[in-house]
Protein backbone atom coordinates (compact mmCIF):
# COMPACT_ATOMS: atom_id res chain seq x y z
CA MET A 1 5.20 -10.59 -5.00
CA LYS A 2 1.26 -10.60 -5.80
CA ARG A 3 -0.39 -9.77 -8.88
CA VAL A 4 -3.66 -7.91 -8.25
CA VAL A 5 -6.67 -6.66 -9.72
CA VAL A 6 -8.17 -3.67 -7.77
CA GLU A 7 -11.76 -2.65 -8.38
CA LEU A 8 -12.50 1.03 -7.33
CA GLU A 9 -15.79 2.89 -6.81
CA GLY A 10 -16.70 4.86 -9.97
CA ASN A 11 -15.87 1.68 -12.35
CA LEU A 12 -12.32 2.04 -12.30
CA THR A 13 -10.13 -1.14 -12.32
CA PHE A 14 -6.27 -1.44 -12.29
CA CYS A 15 -4.09 -4.63 -12.55
CA GLY A 16 -0.47 -4.91 -11.69
CA ILE A 17 1.90 -5.80 -8.93
CA ASP A 18 0.89 -5.03 -5.26
CA LYS A 19 3.55 -2.66 -3.98
CA GLY A 20 2.12 -2.62 -0.39
CA GLU A 21 0.12 0.15 1.51
CA ILE A 22 1.42 3.52 1.87
CA GLU A 23 0.11 6.89 3.29
CA ILE A 24 -0.53 9.88 1.33
CA GLU A 25 -1.69 13.11 2.75
CA GLY A 26 -2.97 11.46 5.90
CA LYS A 27 -5.07 8.65 3.98
CA VAL A 28 -3.66 4.82 3.59
CA GLY A 29 -3.97 3.13 0.22
CA LEU A 30 -2.59 0.52 -1.97
CA LEU A 31 0.31 1.29 -4.30
CA VAL A 32 -0.21 -0.81 -7.59
CA GLU A 33 2.68 -1.15 -10.17
CA THR A 34 1.11 -1.17 -13.55
CA ASP A 35 4.07 -1.14 -15.70
CA LYS A 36 7.29 -2.47 -14.51
CA LYS A 37 9.49 -1.17 -17.38
CA SER A 38 8.60 2.39 -17.01
CA GLY A 39 7.80 1.98 -13.21
CA LEU A 40 4.22 3.65 -13.41
CA LYS A 41 2.35 3.06 -10.31
CA ILE A 42 -1.25 3.79 -9.26
CA TRP A 43 -2.19 4.72 -5.53
CA CYS A 44 -5.37 3.40 -4.71
CA PRO A 45 -6.96 4.91 -1.61
CA LYS A 46 -8.34 2.24 0.70
CA GLU A 47 -11.99 3.96 1.16
CA MET A 48 -12.31 3.82 -2.74
CA ILE A 49 -11.57 0.04 -3.10
CA LYS A 50 -14.45 -2.16 -3.79
CA ASP A 51 -12.67 -5.52 -4.32
CA ILE A 52 -9.26 -6.94 -4.54
CA LEU A 53 -8.58 -10.12 -6.68
CA VAL A 54 -5.28 -11.72 -5.90
CA ILE A 55 -3.75 -13.64 -9.00
CA PRO A 56 -1.05 -15.97 -7.79
CA ILE A 57 2.34 -15.77 -9.85
CA SER A 58 5.56 -17.77 -9.57
CA GLU A 59 9.05 -16.38 -9.68
CA VAL A 60 10.97 -17.94 -12.56
C-alpha cells in the first residue's frame, strides 16, 4: 500500500492510496482512493500526470 500525492496538469492535485494502473476507454491511468470510508476514487490519466510523490506509510 502506498500513499501518494498526484499533481496533474491544470494545477489539480489529489492525495490518497495508490490503487494501481487501470485502462479506461483505451487510456491508462492511475487510480487513487481519496476516501477509504466512502470508497471514493479518482482516475488520473497518465498523460495528465506531472509528478507523483510517494509518502511511506506502515501497516499497524
